[in-house]
Amino acid sequence: MDYGKKASQPGYDVKTATDKNLIFSTKFNSLKISSEGATTLSVPHSTTATKTIAHGLSYAPSHYVFVKELTYGGSDYWICDGGGAFQLPIYDPSGATDAGTMFADQSHFTVYTDATNLYIEIKYQSYAPPSDPKVFDIYYYILIEDNA
């Protein structure tokens, strides 16, 4: 018997749909978390610092990395790597942009992997009196494809 979960595209019966008409199936290969962790990176004003994390794989894996840019008005502002460099402001539910807080700290970060490490580069730039160095909180997930 075939056990698992699956979901079909609209207009297709999940019980009879072929693989190409499914949007999800537990029998498909999917990314799994190989390792995860939390760390910090201390970055002096107007410089770039790099955190290197060994992943123990023999190829450059996929990854998700979240960096906490700042806390303002009781809210934490996190940004996700998504494969490129980002700059705040991005989303501002507490009105920090209007207060000038988010424009004061505009940090860029880039994340990449190779066959041995995950690299997180953060450039800290501040247009207000800097907190020097600034310590960034980081959460990371290193992903592998499950071929089982």
Protein backbone atom coordinates (compact mmCIF):
# COMPACT_ATOMS: atom_id res chain seq x y z
CA MET A 1 0.00 0.00 0.00
CA ASP A 2 1.19 3.57 -0.79
CA TYR A 3 1.32 5.69 2.37
CA GLY A 4 2.03 9.41 2.65
CA LYS A 5 0.49 12.76 1.96
CA LYS A 6 -0.19 14.54 -1.28
CA ALA A 7 -2.10 17.52 -2.65
CA SER A 8 -3.30 17.91 -6.22
CA GLN A 9 -3.60 20.97 -8.42
CA PRO A 10 -7.08 22.51 -8.69
CA GLY A 11 -9.29 20.43 -10.98
CA TYR A 12 -7.49 17.13 -10.32
CA ASP A 13 -8.67 14.37 -7.98
CA VAL A 14 -5.89 13.79 -5.43
CA LYS A 15 -6.70 10.04 -5.45
CA THR A 16 -6.04 9.62 -9.19
CA ALA A 17 -3.78 12.55 -10.13
CA THR A 18 -0.43 11.74 -11.75
CA ASP A 19 2.77 13.16 -10.25
CA LYS A 20 2.84 16.08 -12.71
CA ASN A 21 -0.62 17.14 -11.47
CA LEU A 22 0.37 17.13 -7.80
CA ILE A 23 1.63 20.23 -6.01
CA PHE A 24 2.99 18.20 -3.09
CA SER A 25 3.77 14.58 -2.31
CA THR A 26 5.83 13.03 0.46
CA LYS A 27 7.35 10.70 -2.14
CA PHE A 28 8.99 13.67 -3.95
CA ASN A 29 12.57 14.63 -3.14
CA SER A 30 12.60 17.67 -0.89
CA LEU A 31 15.06 19.81 0.99
CA LYS A 32 15.71 18.79 4.59
CA ILE A 33 17.59 20.57 7.34
CA SER A 34 21.09 19.15 7.61
CA SER A 35 22.16 21.47 10.41
CA GLU A 36 21.02 24.65 12.09
CA GLY A 37 22.30 27.04 14.67
CA ALA A 38 22.42 30.47 16.21
CA THR A 39 25.45 32.72 16.40
CA THR A 40 26.42 36.37 16.53
CA LEU A 41 28.74 38.54 14.48
CA SER A 42 30.40 41.65 15.87
CA VAL A 43 30.97 44.23 13.12
CA PRO A 44 32.87 47.50 13.67
CA HIS A 45 31.34 50.64 12.13
CA SER A 46 31.93 51.12 8.37
CA THR A 47 33.55 47.70 7.94
CA THR A 48 32.61 44.25 6.72
CA ALA A 49 32.98 41.15 8.87
CA THR A 50 32.51 37.50 7.95
CA LYS A 51 31.24 34.56 9.99
CA THR A 52 32.41 31.20 8.64
CA ILE A 53 30.48 28.07 9.61
CA ALA A 54 31.71 24.61 8.59
CA HIS A 55 28.90 22.40 7.28
CA GLY A 56 30.68 19.06 6.78
CA LEU A 57 29.23 18.40 3.32
CA SER A 58 31.31 17.90 0.16
CA TYR A 59 29.26 20.31 -1.99
CA ALA A 60 27.79 23.81 -1.75
CA PRO A 61 24.37 23.28 -0.11
CA SER A 62 21.28 25.48 -0.08
CA HIS A 63 20.72 27.58 3.00
CA TYR A 64 18.49 30.02 4.85
CA VAL A 65 20.05 32.69 7.02
CA PHE A 66 18.18 35.25 9.15
CA VAL A 67 19.93 38.32 10.58
CA LYS A 68 18.36 40.59 13.20
CA GLU A 69 19.02 44.12 12.02
CA LEU A 70 17.53 45.99 14.95
CA THR A 71 14.94 46.18 17.69
CA TYR A 72 12.70 49.24 17.73
CA GLY A 73 9.45 49.95 19.53
CA GLY A 74 9.39 46.44 20.97
CA SER A 75 9.65 44.80 17.52
CA ASP A 76 12.60 42.85 16.14
CA TYR A 77 13.48 43.42 12.49
CA TRP A 78 14.89 40.28 10.83
CA ILE A 79 15.92 39.85 7.22
CA CYS A 80 16.41 36.59 5.30
CA ASP A 81 19.23 36.02 2.83
CA GLY A 82 17.29 34.48 -0.05
CA GLY A 83 20.50 34.28 -2.07
CA GLY A 84 21.53 37.93 -2.20
CA ALA A 85 22.28 41.14 -0.34
CA PHE A 86 19.58 43.09 1.49
CA GLN A 87 19.22 46.49 3.04
CA LEU A 88 16.68 47.86 5.48
CA PRO A 89 14.09 49.32 5.60
CA ILE A 90 11.93 46.50 4.30
CA TYR A 91 8.80 46.30 6.49
CA ASP A 92 7.89 48.79 9.14
CA PRO A 93 4.85 47.97 11.29
CA SER A 94 5.98 50.14 14.21
CA GLY A 95 6.75 53.35 12.32
CA ALA A 96 10.53 53.15 12.84
CA THR A 97 11.18 54.54 9.36
CA ASP A 98 9.16 57.66 10.13
CA ALA A 99 11.23 58.14 13.28
CA GLY A 100 14.45 57.88 11.25
CA THR A 101 15.70 54.86 13.17
CA MET A 102 15.86 52.43 10.28
CA PHE A 103 17.61 54.89 8.00
CA ALA A 104 20.27 55.40 10.66
CA ASP A 105 21.45 51.77 10.44
CA GLN A 106 21.68 50.46 6.89
CA SER A 107 23.52 47.19 6.97
CA HIS A 108 24.05 44.90 4.02
CA PHE A 109 24.55 41.18 4.23
CA THR A 110 25.44 38.48 1.76
CA VAL A 111 25.44 34.73 2.31
CA TYR A 112 27.08 32.04 0.20
CA THR A 113 28.38 28.47 0.50
CA ASP A 114 31.17 26.39 -0.95
CA ALA A 115 32.07 22.71 -0.54
CA THR A 116 33.13 23.21 3.09
CA ASN A 117 31.59 26.34 4.63
CA LEU A 118 28.67 28.70 4.94
CA TYR A 119 29.84 32.35 4.81
CA ILE A 120 27.84 35.26 6.23
CA GLU A 121 29.23 38.72 5.37
CA ILE A 122 27.76 41.79 7.05
CA LYS A 123 28.70 45.38 6.26
CA TYR A 124 27.69 47.74 9.06
CA GLN A 125 27.03 51.34 8.12
CA SER A 126 25.43 53.94 10.34
CA TYR A 127 24.42 57.52 9.70
CA ALA A 128 23.71 58.18 13.36
CA PRO A 129 26.19 57.96 16.23
CA PRO A 130 27.31 54.34 15.86
CA SER A 131 27.13 51.65 18.44
CA ASP A 132 30.58 50.30 17.79
CA PRO A 133 30.90 47.45 17.20
CA LYS A 134 27.35 46.36 16.45
CA VAL A 135 26.52 42.75 17.34
CA PHE A 136 24.15 41.01 14.92
CA ASP A 137 22.11 37.95 15.96
CA ILE A 138 22.07 35.24 13.29
CA TYR A 139 20.05 32.05 12.78
CA TYR A 140 21.03 29.68 10.00
CA TYR A 141 19.77 26.50 8.36
CA ILE A 142 21.88 24.38 6.04
CA LEU A 143 19.74 22.25 3.74
CA ILE A 144 20.29 18.96 1.91
CA GLU A 145 18.20 17.20 -0.69
CA ASP A 146 16.66 13.98 0.55
CA ASN A 147 16.92 11.39 -2.18
CA ALA A 148 15.27 8.62 -0.19
